[in-house]
Amino acid sequence: EKRFEDSIKWLVQEKKVKGITGDCGFMMNF
């Protein structure tokens, strides 16, 4: 979960993405 949070922060802060999705439909749980 900590790695999940860090990954999202990296995408937002480092790559400046404007939207986030996942490569598994069950990530809807998160």
All heavy atoms as atom14 arrays in JSON, in Angstrom:
{
  "sequence": "EKRFEDSIKWLVQEKKVKGITGDCGFMMNF",
  "atom14_mask": [
    [1, 1, 1, 1, 1, 1, 1, 1, 1, 0, 0, 0, 0, 0],
    [1, 1, 1, 1, 1, 1, 1, 1, 1, 0, 0, 0, 0, 0],
    [1, 1, 1, 1, 1, 1, 1, 1, 1, 1, 1, 0, 0, 0],
    [1, 1, 1, 1, 1, 1, 1, 1, 1, 1, 1, 0, 0, 0],
    [1, 1, 1, 1, 1, 1, 1, 1, 1, 0, 0, 0, 0, 0],
    [1, 1, 1, 1, 1, 1, 1, 1, 0, 0, 0, 0, 0, 0],
    [1, 1, 1, 1, 1, 1, 0, 0, 0, 0, 0, 0, 0, 0],
    [1, 1, 1, 1, 1, 1, 1, 1, 0, 0, 0, 0, 0, 0],
    [1, 1, 1, 1, 1, 1, 1, 1, 1, 0, 0, 0, 0, 0],
    [1, 1, 1, 1, 1, 1, 1, 1, 1, 1, 1, 1, 1, 1],
    [1, 1, 1, 1, 1, 1, 1, 1, 0, 0, 0, 0, 0, 0],
    [1, 1, 1, 1, 1, 1, 1, 0, 0, 0, 0, 0, 0, 0],
    [1, 1, 1, 1, 1, 1, 1, 1, 1, 0, 0, 0, 0, 0],
    [1, 1, 1, 1, 1, 1, 1, 1, 1, 0, 0, 0, 0, 0],
    [1, 1, 1, 1, 1, 1, 1, 1, 1, 0, 0, 0, 0, 0],
    [1, 1, 1, 1, 1, 1, 1, 1, 1, 0, 0, 0, 0, 0],
    [1, 1, 1, 1, 1, 1, 1, 0, 0, 0, 0, 0, 0, 0],
    [1, 1, 1, 1, 1, 1, 1, 1, 1, 0, 0, 0, 0, 0],
    [1, 1, 1, 1, 0, 0, 0, 0, 0, 0, 0, 0, 0, 0],
    [1, 1, 1, 1, 1, 1, 1, 1, 0, 0, 0, 0, 0, 0],
    [1, 1, 1, 1, 1, 1, 1, 0, 0, 0, 0, 0, 0, 0],
    [1, 1, 1, 1, 0, 0, 0, 0, 0, 0, 0, 0, 0, 0],
    [1, 1, 1, 1, 1, 1, 1, 1, 0, 0, 0, 0, 0, 0],
    [1, 1, 1, 1, 1, 1, 0, 0, 0, 0, 0, 0, 0, 0],
    [1, 1, 1, 1, 0, 0, 0, 0, 0, 0, 0, 0, 0, 0],
    [1, 1, 1, 1, 1, 1, 1, 1, 1, 1, 1, 0, 0, 0],
    [1, 1, 1, 1, 1, 1, 1, 1, 0, 0, 0, 0, 0, 0],
    [1, 1, 1, 1, 1, 1, 1, 1, 0, 0, 0, 0, 0, 0],
    [1, 1, 1, 1, 1, 1, 1, 1, 0, 0, 0, 0, 0, 0],
    [1, 1, 1, 1, 1, 1, 1, 1, 1, 1, 1, 0, 0, 0]
  ],
  "atom14_positions": [
    [[0.83, -1.21, 0.0], [0.0, 0.0, 0.0], [0.86, 1.26, 0.0], [0.55, 2.24, -0.68], [-0.93, 0.0, 1.21], [-1.88, 1.19, 1.23], [-2.92, 1.1, 2.34], [-3.32, -0.03, 2.68], [-3.31, 2.17, 2.86], [0.0, 0.0, 0.0], [0.0, 0.0, 0.0], [0.0, 0.0, 0.0], [0.0, 0.0, 0.0], [0.0, 0.0, 0.0]],
    [[1.96, 1.22, 0.77], [2.88, 2.36, 0.78], [3.51, 2.56, -0.59], [3.65, 3.7, -1.08], [3.98, 2.11, 1.82], [5.04, 3.22, 1.9], [4.45, 4.55, 2.34], [5.52, 5.56, 2.75], [6.5, 5.81, 1.68], [0.0, 0.0, 0.0], [0.0, 0.0, 0.0], [0.0, 0.0, 0.0], [0.0, 0.0, 0.0], [0.0, 0.0, 0.0]],
    [[3.86, 1.47, -1.26], [4.43, 1.56, -2.61], [3.38, 2.07, -3.6], [3.7, 2.83, -4.53], [4.93, 0.19, -3.06], [6.13, -0.32, -2.26], [6.42, -1.76, -2.6], [7.55, -2.29, -1.82], [7.85, -3.58, -1.73], [7.1, -4.48, -2.37], [8.88, -3.97, -1.01], [0.0, 0.0, 0.0], [0.0, 0.0, 0.0], [0.0, 0.0, 0.0]],
    [[2.14, 1.67, -3.41], [1.04, 2.13, -4.25], [0.91, 3.65, -4.13], [0.81, 4.37, -5.13], [-0.25, 1.43, -3.81], [-1.48, 1.82, -4.59], [-1.78, 1.2, -5.79], [-2.35, 2.79, -4.11], [-2.93, 1.53, -6.5], [-3.5, 3.13, -4.81], [-3.78, 2.5, -6.01], [0.0, 0.0, 0.0], [0.0, 0.0, 0.0], [0.0, 0.0, 0.0]],
    [[0.92, 4.15, -2.9], [0.82, 5.59, -2.66], [2.01, 6.32, -3.27], [1.84, 7.37, -3.9], [0.73, 5.85, -1.16], [-0.54, 5.31, -0.51], [-0.54, 5.5, 0.99], [0.48, 6.01, 1.53], [-1.55, 5.16, 1.64], [0.0, 0.0, 0.0], [0.0, 0.0, 0.0], [0.0, 0.0, 0.0], [0.0, 0.0, 0.0], [0.0, 0.0, 0.0]],
    [[3.21, 5.77, -3.06], [4.42, 6.41, -3.6], [4.4, 6.45, -5.13], [4.87, 7.4, -5.75], [5.67, 5.68, -3.11], [5.93, 5.88, -1.63], [5.36, 6.83, -1.06], [6.7, 5.09, -1.05], [0.0, 0.0, 0.0], [0.0, 0.0, 0.0], [0.0, 0.0, 0.0], [0.0, 0.0, 0.0], [0.0, 0.0, 0.0], [0.0, 0.0, 0.0]],
    [[3.84, 5.4, -5.73], [3.78, 5.33, -7.2], [2.87, 6.41, -7.76], [3.19, 7.05, -8.78], [3.28, 3.94, -7.63], [4.21, 2.93, -7.25], [0.0, 0.0, 0.0], [0.0, 0.0, 0.0], [0.0, 0.0, 0.0], [0.0, 0.0, 0.0], [0.0, 0.0, 0.0], [0.0, 0.0, 0.0], [0.0, 0.0, 0.0], [0.0, 0.0, 0.0]],
    [[1.75, 6.63, -7.12], [0.83, 7.68, -7.56], [1.47, 9.05, -7.4], [1.39, 9.91, -8.29], [-0.5, 7.6, -6.78], [-1.27, 6.35, -7.21], [-1.34, 8.86, -7.01], [-2.59, 6.16, -6.51], [0.0, 0.0, 0.0], [0.0, 0.0, 0.0], [0.0, 0.0, 0.0], [0.0, 0.0, 0.0], [0.0, 0.0, 0.0], [0.0, 0.0, 0.0]],
    [[2.13, 9.27, -6.27], [2.8, 10.55, -6.04], [3.89, 10.78, -7.08], [4.08, 11.9, -7.55], [3.41, 10.58, -4.64], [2.36, 10.62, -3.52], [3.02, 10.59, -2.15], [1.97, 10.6, -1.05], [2.58, 10.5, 0.31], [0.0, 0.0, 0.0], [0.0, 0.0, 0.0], [0.0, 0.0, 0.0], [0.0, 0.0, 0.0], [0.0, 0.0, 0.0]],
    [[4.6, 9.72, -7.47], [5.66, 9.84, -8.48], [5.08, 10.24, -9.82], [5.62, 11.12, -10.51], [6.4, 8.51, -8.6], [7.52, 8.54, -9.6], [8.8, 8.99, -9.41], [7.45, 8.08, -10.96], [9.54, 8.83, -10.57], [8.74, 8.29, -11.54], [6.44, 7.51, -11.74], [9.03, 7.95, -12.86], [6.72, 7.19, -13.06], [7.99, 7.41, -13.6]],
    [[3.97, 9.63, -10.2], [3.33, 9.96, -11.48], [2.86, 11.42, -11.49], [2.99, 12.11, -12.51], [2.16, 9.02, -11.74], [2.5, 7.58, -12.12], [1.25, 6.71, -12.1], [3.17, 7.53, -13.5], [0.0, 0.0, 0.0], [0.0, 0.0, 0.0], [0.0, 0.0, 0.0], [0.0, 0.0, 0.0], [0.0, 0.0, 0.0], [0.0, 0.0, 0.0]],
    [[2.32, 11.86, -10.37], [1.78, 13.22, -10.3], [2.89, 14.26, -10.19], [2.9, 15.26, -10.92], [0.81, 13.35, -9.11], [0.34, 14.8, -8.96], [-0.39, 12.43, -9.29], [0.0, 0.0, 0.0], [0.0, 0.0, 0.0], [0.0, 0.0, 0.0], [0.0, 0.0, 0.0], [0.0, 0.0, 0.0], [0.0, 0.0, 0.0], [0.0, 0.0, 0.0]],
    [[3.83, 14.03, -9.29], [4.85, 15.04, -9.0], [6.0, 15.04, -10.01], [6.5, 16.1, -10.38], [5.39, 14.81, -7.59], [4.33, 14.99, -6.51], [4.81, 14.55, -5.13], [5.98, 14.21, -4.93], [3.91, 14.55, -4.16], [0.0, 0.0, 0.0], [0.0, 0.0, 0.0], [0.0, 0.0, 0.0], [0.0, 0.0, 0.0], [0.0, 0.0, 0.0]],
    [[6.42, 13.86, -10.45], [7.56, 13.77, -11.34], [7.17, 13.83, -12.81], [7.83, 14.48, -13.63], [8.35, 12.49, -11.07], [8.94, 12.4, -9.67], [9.97, 13.49, -9.4], [10.69, 13.88, -10.35], [10.05, 13.95, -8.24], [0.0, 0.0, 0.0], [0.0, 0.0, 0.0], [0.0, 0.0, 0.0], [0.0, 0.0, 0.0], [0.0, 0.0, 0.0]],
    [[6.09, 13.16, -13.17], [5.68, 13.08, -14.58], [4.56, 14.04, -14.94], [4.19, 14.17, -16.11], [5.28, 11.64, -14.94], [6.44, 10.66, -14.85], [7.58, 11.1, -15.74], [8.76, 10.15, -15.68], [9.89, 10.61, -16.55], [0.0, 0.0, 0.0], [0.0, 0.0, 0.0], [0.0, 0.0, 0.0], [0.0, 0.0, 0.0], [0.0, 0.0, 0.0]],
    [[3.99, 14.68, -13.94], [2.96, 15.71, -14.16], [1.76, 15.18, -14.95], [1.2, 15.87, -15.8], [3.56, 16.92, -14.89], [4.85, 17.46, -14.3], [4.68, 17.93, -12.87], [5.99, 18.5, -12.33], [5.88, 18.87, -10.89], [0.0, 0.0, 0.0], [0.0, 0.0, 0.0], [0.0, 0.0, 0.0], [0.0, 0.0, 0.0], [0.0, 0.0, 0.0]],
    [[1.36, 13.96, -14.67], [0.22, 13.39, -15.39], [-1.05, 14.12, -14.98], [-1.15, 14.7, -13.89], [0.09, 11.87, -15.12], [1.35, 11.15, -15.57], [-0.2, 11.59, -13.65], [0.0, 0.0, 0.0], [0.0, 0.0, 0.0], [0.0, 0.0, 0.0], [0.0, 0.0, 0.0], [0.0, 0.0, 0.0], [0.0, 0.0, 0.0], [0.0, 0.0, 0.0]],
    [[-2.04, 14.07, -15.86], [-3.31, 14.75, -15.61], [-4.43, 13.79, -15.26], [-5.57, 14.21, -15.01], [-3.7, 15.57, -16.85], [-2.74, 16.7, -17.17], [-2.64, 17.69, -16.03], [-1.76, 18.88, -16.41], [-1.62, 19.84, -15.28], [0.0, 0.0, 0.0], [0.0, 0.0, 0.0], [0.0, 0.0, 0.0], [0.0, 0.0, 0.0], [0.0, 0.0, 0.0]],
    [[-4.13, 12.51, -15.24], [-5.14, 11.52, -14.88], [-4.44, 10.2, -14.6], [-3.37, 9.93, -15.15], [0.0, 0.0, 0.0], [0.0, 0.0, 0.0], [0.0, 0.0, 0.0], [0.0, 0.0, 0.0], [0.0, 0.0, 0.0], [0.0, 0.0, 0.0], [0.0, 0.0, 0.0], [0.0, 0.0, 0.0], [0.0, 0.0, 0.0], [0.0, 0.0, 0.0]],
    [[-5.04, 9.38, -13.74], [-4.43, 8.11, -13.35], [-5.43, 6.97, -13.49], [-6.59, 7.08, -13.07], [-3.91, 8.16, -11.91], [-2.69, 9.09, -11.83], [-3.53, 6.78, -11.41], [-2.11, 9.23, -10.44], [0.0, 0.0, 0.0], [0.0, 0.0, 0.0], [0.0, 0.0, 0.0], [0.0, 0.0, 0.0], [0.0, 0.0, 0.0], [0.0, 0.0, 0.0]],
    [[-4.97, 5.88, -14.08], [-5.77, 4.67, -14.2], [-4.89, 3.49, -13.8], [-3.75, 3.67, -13.36], [-6.31, 4.5, -15.63], [-7.25, 3.41, -15.65], [-5.19, 4.23, -16.62], [0.0, 0.0, 0.0], [0.0, 0.0, 0.0], [0.0, 0.0, 0.0], [0.0, 0.0, 0.0], [0.0, 0.0, 0.0], [0.0, 0.0, 0.0], [0.0, 0.0, 0.0]],
    [[-5.42, 2.28, -13.93], [-4.66, 1.08, -13.6], [-4.8, 0.04, -14.68], [-5.71, 0.12, -15.51], [0.0, 0.0, 0.0], [0.0, 0.0, 0.0], [0.0, 0.0, 0.0], [0.0, 0.0, 0.0], [0.0, 0.0, 0.0], [0.0, 0.0, 0.0], [0.0, 0.0, 0.0], [0.0, 0.0, 0.0], [0.0, 0.0, 0.0], [0.0, 0.0, 0.0]],
    [[-3.89, -0.94, -14.69], [-3.94, -1.96, -15.74], [-4.68, -3.22, -15.3], [-4.54, -4.28, -15.9], [-2.53, -2.31, -16.24], [-1.69, -3.06, -15.22], [-2.12, -3.16, -14.05], [-0.61, -3.55, -15.6], [0.0, 0.0, 0.0], [0.0, 0.0, 0.0], [0.0, 0.0, 0.0], [0.0, 0.0, 0.0], [0.0, 0.0, 0.0], [0.0, 0.0, 0.0]],
    [[-5.51, -3.08, -14.26], [-6.36, -4.18, -13.8], [-7.69, -3.59, -13.36], [-7.73, -2.66, -12.54], [-5.7, -4.92, -12.63], [-6.76, -6.16, -11.85], [0.0, 0.0, 0.0], [0.0, 0.0, 0.0], [0.0, 0.0, 0.0], [0.0, 0.0, 0.0], [0.0, 0.0, 0.0], [0.0, 0.0, 0.0], [0.0, 0.0, 0.0], [0.0, 0.0, 0.0]],
    [[-8.78, -4.11, -13.89], [-10.1, -3.58, -13.57], [-10.44, -3.66, -12.09], [-11.21, -2.85, -11.56], [0.0, 0.0, 0.0], [0.0, 0.0, 0.0], [0.0, 0.0, 0.0], [0.0, 0.0, 0.0], [0.0, 0.0, 0.0], [0.0, 0.0, 0.0], [0.0, 0.0, 0.0], [0.0, 0.0, 0.0], [0.0, 0.0, 0.0], [0.0, 0.0, 0.0]],
    [[-9.85, -4.65, -11.39], [-10.12, -4.8, -9.97], [-9.44, -3.73, -9.13], [-9.66, -3.67, -7.91], [-9.68, -6.2, -9.5], [-10.59, -7.3, -9.97], [-10.12, -8.29, -10.82], [-11.92, -7.34, -9.59], [-10.94, -9.3, -11.27], [-12.76, -8.35, -10.03], [-12.28, -9.34, -10.87], [0.0, 0.0, 0.0], [0.0, 0.0, 0.0], [0.0, 0.0, 0.0]],
    [[-8.6, -2.89, -9.74], [-8.04, -1.76, -9.0], [-9.13, -0.76, -8.64], [-8.9, 0.18, -7.89], [-6.95, -1.06, -9.81], [-5.64, -1.81, -9.84], [-4.3, -0.81, -10.53], [-3.1, -2.08, -10.91], [0.0, 0.0, 0.0], [0.0, 0.0, 0.0], [0.0, 0.0, 0.0], [0.0, 0.0, 0.0], [0.0, 0.0, 0.0], [0.0, 0.0, 0.0]],
    [[-10.33, -1.0, -9.15], [-11.49, -0.22, -8.73], [-11.62, -0.28, -7.21], [-12.11, 0.66, -6.57], [-12.75, -0.79, -9.4], [-14.02, -0.07, -9.07], [-14.12, 1.51, -9.93], [-15.87, 1.83, -9.79], [0.0, 0.0, 0.0], [0.0, 0.0, 0.0], [0.0, 0.0, 0.0], [0.0, 0.0, 0.0], [0.0, 0.0, 0.0], [0.0, 0.0, 0.0]],
    [[-11.16, -1.39, -6.61], [-11.2, -1.53, -5.16], [-10.33, -0.49, -4.45], [-10.54, -0.23, -3.27], [-10.73, -2.94, -4.76], [-11.78, -4.01, -5.02], [-12.94, -3.85, -4.64], [-11.39, -5.1, -5.66], [0.0, 0.0, 0.0], [0.0, 0.0, 0.0], [0.0, 0.0, 0.0], [0.0, 0.0, 0.0], [0.0, 0.0, 0.0], [0.0, 0.0, 0.0]],
    [[-9.37, 0.07, -5.18], [-8.46, 1.05, -4.59], [-8.71, 2.45, -5.12], [-7.89, 3.35, -4.96], [-7.01, 0.64, -4.86], [-6.69, -0.77, -4.46], [-6.03, -1.62, -5.33], [-7.07, -1.25, -3.22], [-5.74, -2.93, -4.97], [-6.78, -2.56, -2.84], [-6.11, -3.41, -3.72], [0.0, 0.0, 0.0], [0.0, 0.0, 0.0], [0.0, 0.0, 0.0]]
  ]
}
